[in-house]
Amino acid sequence: MAVKINESTEIHIPLKLVSGLIFAIVAASFFVFHIEERIDFLEMKLEKLAMQFDNYKAQPSRGHTDIEVLKVQLENIQKQIDSIPKGKSNDK
């Protein structure tokens, strides 16, 4: 026997069940929005780090520059040492 549903059909649902369903829907939507916000934040942070990395790659290597400066300083010190007149040693 088929039951026909129309405007006069009545449904009996406990109030406890309705309030539980509403709470579950609100909690699920809050969770979804929170996860979306976190994903957006992490994407923004990833883009920022990618830009910083690209800027770092575009700059000359700092370590290489430091080595070049030290080489020049070493050459200057070597020239100063070579320019010191060599006198007779006072060996007895």
Protein backbone atom coordinates (compact mmCIF):
# COMPACT_ATOMS: atom_id res chain seq x y z
CA MET A 1 0.00 0.00 0.00
CA ALA A 2 1.51 3.27 -1.12
CA VAL A 3 1.33 6.33 1.08
CA LYS A 4 0.54 9.54 -0.72
CA ILE A 5 2.28 12.68 0.44
CA ASN A 6 0.39 15.93 0.07
CA GLU A 7 -0.21 19.19 1.93
CA SER A 8 -2.12 17.55 4.71
CA THR A 9 0.50 14.88 5.45
CA GLU A 10 1.87 15.17 8.97
CA ILE A 11 5.37 14.24 10.10
CA HIS A 12 6.25 13.74 13.74
CA ILE A 13 9.91 14.50 14.52
CA PRO A 14 11.21 14.88 18.06
CA LEU A 15 12.47 18.36 18.91
CA LYS A 16 15.69 16.80 20.21
CA LEU A 17 16.42 15.37 16.74
CA VAL A 18 15.74 18.70 15.00
CA SER A 19 18.00 20.61 17.39
CA GLY A 20 20.72 17.97 16.95
CA LEU A 21 20.52 18.25 13.15
CA ILE A 22 20.72 22.05 13.30
CA PHE A 23 23.72 21.88 15.63
CA ALA A 24 25.46 19.34 13.33
CA ILE A 25 24.89 21.54 10.27
CA VAL A 26 26.19 24.68 12.02
CA ALA A 27 29.26 22.81 13.34
CA ALA A 28 30.02 21.34 9.91
CA SER A 29 29.74 24.74 8.19
CA PHE A 30 31.99 26.32 10.83
CA PHE A 31 34.55 23.57 10.30
CA VAL A 32 34.46 24.02 6.50
CA PHE A 33 34.91 27.80 6.72
CA HIS A 34 37.74 27.40 9.22
CA ILE A 35 39.55 24.93 6.95
CA GLU A 36 39.11 27.23 3.93
CA GLU A 37 40.52 30.18 5.91
CA ARG A 38 43.52 28.10 6.98
CA ILE A 39 44.16 26.96 3.40
CA ASP A 40 44.00 30.58 2.16
CA PHE A 41 46.46 31.64 4.88
CA LEU A 42 48.90 28.86 4.00
CA GLU A 43 48.66 29.64 0.27
CA MET A 44 49.43 33.30 0.99
CA LYS A 45 52.39 32.31 3.15
CA LEU A 46 53.67 29.94 0.44
CA GLU A 47 53.45 32.68 -2.20
CA LYS A 48 55.35 35.07 0.09
CA LEU A 49 58.10 32.50 0.67
CA ALA A 50 58.29 31.81 -3.07
CA MET A 51 58.75 35.54 -3.77
CA GLN A 52 61.45 35.78 -1.10
CA PHE A 53 63.21 32.75 -2.60
CA ASP A 54 63.05 34.26 -6.10
CA ASN A 55 64.49 37.54 -4.77
CA TYR A 56 67.24 35.61 -3.00
CA LYS A 57 68.11 33.72 -6.18
CA ALA A 58 68.23 36.99 -8.16
CA GLN A 59 70.83 38.50 -5.82
CA PRO A 60 74.49 37.61 -6.23
CA SER A 61 75.62 34.90 -3.92
CA ARG A 62 76.58 36.53 -0.67
CA GLY A 63 78.99 33.76 0.23
CA HIS A 64 80.75 34.18 -3.11
CA THR A 65 80.99 37.96 -2.55
CA ASP A 66 82.45 37.46 0.92
CA ILE A 67 85.12 35.14 -0.49
CA GLU A 68 86.05 37.69 -3.14
CA VAL A 69 86.39 40.43 -0.50
CA LEU A 70 88.59 38.17 1.63
CA LYS A 71 90.80 37.38 -1.39
CA VAL A 72 91.33 41.09 -2.08
CA GLN A 73 92.14 41.73 1.59
CA LEU A 74 94.60 38.83 1.61
CA GLU A 75 96.32 40.15 -1.52
CA ASN A 76 96.63 43.63 0.09
CA ILE A 77 98.12 42.13 3.25
CA GLN A 78 100.53 40.05 1.18
CA LYS A 79 101.65 43.20 -0.71
CA GLN A 80 102.21 45.01 2.61
CA ILE A 81 104.28 42.11 3.92
CA ASP A 82 106.35 42.01 0.73
CA SER A 83 107.00 45.76 0.92
CA ILE A 84 108.55 45.50 4.39
CA PRO A 85 112.33 45.84 4.00
CA LYS A 86 114.16 42.72 4.97
CA GLY A 87 117.03 43.53 7.26
CA LYS A 88 119.84 41.40 8.53
CA SER A 89 118.77 39.12 11.30
CA ASN A 90 120.44 39.56 14.67
CA ASP A 91 121.30 35.89 15.08
CA LYS A 92 124.17 35.36 17.43
